[in-house]
């Protein structure tokens, strides 16, 4: 699903980052998976928040795998280029905008800076294949996707996420979603005001 925008649900994103950071101290590689990244606004918001909290050198260890079904072959090129029109960037705090965006050359278009784009690897992926794209993720984010699946499909996809997470890794869902009760033995909810879970 393509609906998302920059700095949407910032509260949940900051909670995710704040919980993950203590678990990744000292790691040379930190892996994150944003499943269902659409055209990238949520993905780059996550990257910006990590960058702000990790600092320059720590952020260089972050690798974010961004995936989507991308049936029309449009998301990948947009995410990789990191170019967005000014009207889509209006919610971004001014200081953050000045720090992470630069004029693209076309009037009204801005590009995310290279140091952020270099942390992102986009690939097409069908979640219902149940084939994970990697392992040892410290965080998996899946928003605006699970609501399109049946109950059984959600269970199977979240089990795949569980297997893909590093020990003690975190999983975040859309605020309107709930974890199927069948999976309560796999995750513990870590906050009361967001759908953020830790792998048991």
Protein backbone atom coordinates (compact mmCIF):
# COMPACT_ATOMS: atom_id res chain seq x y z
CA UNK A 1 0.00 0.00 0.00
CA UNK A 2 1.44 3.35 -1.04
CA UNK A 3 -0.24 5.64 1.50
CA UNK A 4 2.27 7.15 3.89
CA UNK A 5 4.01 10.46 4.43
CA UNK A 6 7.15 11.88 6.03
CA UNK A 7 7.14 11.96 9.84
CA UNK A 8 3.86 10.05 10.04
CA UNK A 9 3.43 8.31 13.43
CA UNK A 10 6.67 9.84 14.68
CA UNK A 11 5.81 8.80 18.24
CA UNK A 12 6.01 5.10 17.37
CA UNK A 13 9.17 5.55 15.31
CA UNK A 14 10.95 7.32 18.17
CA UNK A 15 9.85 4.57 20.57
CA UNK A 16 11.25 1.95 18.19
CA UNK A 17 14.58 3.69 17.88
CA UNK A 18 14.88 4.37 21.61
CA UNK A 19 14.30 0.69 22.42
CA UNK A 20 16.64 -0.61 19.74
CA UNK A 21 19.62 1.66 20.44
CA UNK A 22 20.69 0.09 23.78
CA UNK A 23 20.71 -3.37 22.17
CA UNK A 24 23.02 -2.45 19.29
CA UNK A 25 25.79 -0.58 21.11
CA UNK A 26 29.19 -1.64 19.81
CA UNK A 27 27.91 -3.60 16.82
CA UNK A 28 29.75 -3.12 13.54
CA UNK A 29 26.60 -3.93 11.54
CA UNK A 30 23.03 -3.07 12.56
CA UNK A 31 20.30 -4.48 10.31
CA UNK A 32 16.74 -3.16 9.94
CA UNK A 33 13.97 -4.33 7.62
CA UNK A 34 11.18 -1.98 6.54
CA UNK A 35 8.64 -4.32 4.94
CA UNK A 36 6.15 -2.53 2.72
CA UNK A 37 8.16 0.66 2.35
CA UNK A 38 6.00 2.04 -0.50
CA UNK A 39 7.64 5.18 -1.95
CA UNK A 40 9.92 5.71 1.03
CA UNK A 41 8.63 8.48 3.32
CA UNK A 42 8.33 6.20 6.39
CA UNK A 43 11.59 4.49 5.49
CA UNK A 44 13.54 7.74 5.33
CA UNK A 45 11.84 9.06 8.46
CA UNK A 46 13.15 5.98 10.30
CA UNK A 47 16.62 6.58 8.85
CA UNK A 48 16.58 10.24 9.90
CA UNK A 49 15.57 9.42 13.48
CA UNK A 50 18.31 6.78 13.74
CA UNK A 51 20.83 9.24 12.29
CA UNK A 52 19.87 11.91 14.78
CA UNK A 53 20.21 9.55 17.75
CA UNK A 54 23.22 7.46 16.62
CA UNK A 55 25.50 10.24 15.42
CA UNK A 56 27.65 10.27 12.30
CA UNK A 57 29.93 7.31 12.99
CA UNK A 58 27.34 5.07 14.60
CA UNK A 59 24.90 5.63 11.76
CA UNK A 60 27.47 4.37 9.24
CA UNK A 61 26.97 0.88 10.74
CA UNK A 62 23.24 0.89 9.95
CA UNK A 63 21.87 -1.07 7.00
CA UNK A 64 18.18 -0.78 6.15
CA UNK A 65 16.59 -3.31 3.80
CA UNK A 66 13.49 -1.78 2.24
CA UNK A 67 11.02 -4.05 0.47
CA UNK A 68 7.69 -3.84 -1.28
CA UNK A 69 5.76 -5.91 -3.80
CA UNK A 70 6.13 -2.95 -6.22
CA UNK A 71 3.78 -4.37 -8.85
CA UNK A 72 4.17 -1.34 -11.13
CA UNK A 73 7.96 -1.11 -10.77
CA UNK A 74 7.82 2.45 -9.49
CA UNK A 75 8.72 2.27 -5.79
CA UNK A 76 12.28 1.04 -6.26
CA UNK A 77 13.41 3.90 -8.47
CA UNK A 78 11.78 6.50 -6.20
CA UNK A 79 13.26 5.05 -3.01
CA UNK A 80 16.71 4.72 -4.56
CA UNK A 81 16.73 8.24 -6.00
CA UNK A 82 15.33 9.76 -2.80
CA UNK A 83 13.79 12.72 -4.66
CA UNK A 84 10.48 14.17 -3.44
CA UNK A 85 8.39 17.28 -4.21
CA UNK A 86 8.37 20.08 -1.65
CA UNK A 87 4.68 19.61 -0.84
CA UNK A 88 5.40 16.09 0.47
CA UNK A 89 8.06 17.42 2.83
CA UNK A 90 6.03 20.10 4.62
CA UNK A 91 5.63 18.09 7.85
CA UNK A 92 9.38 17.79 8.37
CA UNK A 93 10.79 20.14 11.02
CA UNK A 94 12.73 22.94 9.34
CA UNK A 95 16.11 22.15 10.89
CA UNK A 96 15.79 18.48 9.97
CA UNK A 97 14.80 19.40 6.43
CA UNK A 98 17.82 21.67 6.00
CA UNK A 99 20.13 18.96 7.36
CA UNK A 100 18.94 16.00 5.29
CA UNK A 101 17.54 17.42 2.03
CA UNK A 102 19.16 19.36 -0.80
CA UNK A 103 17.75 20.91 -3.99
CA UNK A 104 17.59 18.31 -6.73
CA UNK A 105 17.91 20.73 -9.63
CA UNK A 106 14.29 20.72 -10.73
CA UNK A 107 12.32 23.54 -9.09
CA UNK A 108 10.32 22.27 -6.14
CA UNK A 109 12.16 18.94 -5.95
CA UNK A 110 14.51 17.90 -3.14
CA UNK A 111 16.85 14.95 -2.75
CA UNK A 112 17.74 13.18 0.47
CA UNK A 113 21.46 13.48 1.15
CA UNK A 114 23.75 10.72 -0.03
CA UNK A 115 24.84 9.58 3.43
CA UNK A 116 21.23 8.62 4.16
CA UNK A 117 20.50 7.08 0.75
CA UNK A 118 23.61 4.92 1.08
CA UNK A 119 22.14 3.18 4.13
CA UNK A 120 19.11 1.96 2.12
CA UNK A 121 18.88 -1.17 -0.03
CA UNK A 122 15.58 -1.59 -1.90
CA UNK A 123 14.37 -4.86 -3.37
CA UNK A 124 11.08 -6.26 -4.59
CA UNK A 125 9.63 -8.86 -2.24
CA UNK A 126 6.33 -10.64 -1.78
CA UNK A 127 5.70 -11.15 1.94
CA UNK A 128 3.26 -13.96 1.23
CA UNK A 129 6.08 -16.00 -0.28
CA UNK A 130 7.16 -16.39 3.38
CA UNK A 131 10.77 -16.29 2.20
CA UNK A 132 12.69 -13.87 4.44
CA UNK A 133 15.15 -11.52 2.79
CA UNK A 134 17.71 -11.89 5.58
CA UNK A 135 18.27 -12.62 9.24
CA UNK A 136 19.62 -11.12 12.44
CA UNK A 137 17.54 -7.97 12.15
CA UNK A 138 17.50 -5.71 15.19
CA UNK A 139 14.20 -4.20 14.04
CA UNK A 140 11.49 -5.15 11.57
CA UNK A 141 8.84 -2.56 10.72
CA UNK A 142 5.66 -3.59 8.93
CA UNK A 143 2.93 -0.96 8.70
CA UNK A 144 0.08 -0.51 6.23
CA UNK A 145 0.51 -4.05 4.94
CA UNK A 146 -0.79 -6.63 7.41
CA UNK A 147 -4.31 -5.19 7.32
CA UNK A 148 -4.56 -6.43 3.71
CA UNK A 149 -3.91 -10.04 4.72
CA UNK A 150 -6.20 -12.69 6.12
CA UNK A 151 -5.80 -13.69 9.77
CA UNK A 152 -3.90 -16.84 8.79
CA UNK A 153 -1.64 -14.91 6.41
CA UNK A 154 -0.82 -12.38 9.14
CA UNK A 155 0.16 -15.19 11.49
CA UNK A 156 2.45 -16.77 8.91
CA UNK A 157 4.10 -13.48 7.93
CA UNK A 158 4.73 -12.48 11.54
CA UNK A 159 6.23 -15.92 12.23
CA UNK A 160 8.61 -15.24 9.34
CA UNK A 161 9.53 -11.94 10.97
CA UNK A 162 10.15 -13.71 14.27
CA UNK A 163 12.58 -16.09 12.58
CA UNK A 164 14.31 -13.16 10.87
CA UNK A 165 14.89 -11.16 14.04
CA UNK A 166 18.07 -11.34 16.08
CA UNK A 167 17.62 -12.52 19.69
CA UNK A 168 15.86 -9.72 21.55
CA UNK A 169 15.03 -7.92 18.29
CA UNK A 170 12.01 -5.68 17.90
CA UNK A 171 8.94 -5.81 15.67
CA UNK A 172 6.65 -2.82 15.02
CA UNK A 173 3.17 -2.79 13.49
CA UNK A 174 0.61 -0.17 12.57
CA UNK A 175 -1.15 1.29 15.60
CA UNK A 176 -4.53 0.01 14.40
CA UNK A 177 -3.29 -3.59 14.23
CA UNK A 178 -2.99 -6.09 17.05
CA UNK A 179 -0.75 -9.10 17.45
CA UNK A 180 -2.68 -12.34 16.83
CA UNK A 181 -3.20 -14.15 20.12
CA UNK A 182 -1.68 -17.28 18.59
CA UNK A 183 1.71 -15.51 18.61
CA UNK A 184 1.69 -14.32 22.22
CA UNK A 185 4.38 -16.85 23.13
CA UNK A 186 6.77 -15.37 20.55
CA UNK A 187 6.66 -11.67 21.46
CA UNK A 188 6.18 -9.41 24.44
CA UNK A 189 4.67 -5.95 24.06
CA UNK A 190 7.10 -3.37 25.41
CA UNK A 191 5.00 -0.18 25.49
CA UNK A 192 1.34 0.52 26.12
CA UNK A 193 0.89 3.27 23.53
CA UNK A 194 2.31 1.63 20.40
CA UNK A 195 2.32 -1.74 18.67
CA UNK A 196 5.97 -2.46 19.49
CA UNK A 197 7.06 -5.95 20.46
CA UNK A 198 10.27 -7.67 21.54
CA UNK A 199 11.20 -11.16 20.41
CA UNK A 200 11.10 -13.65 23.26
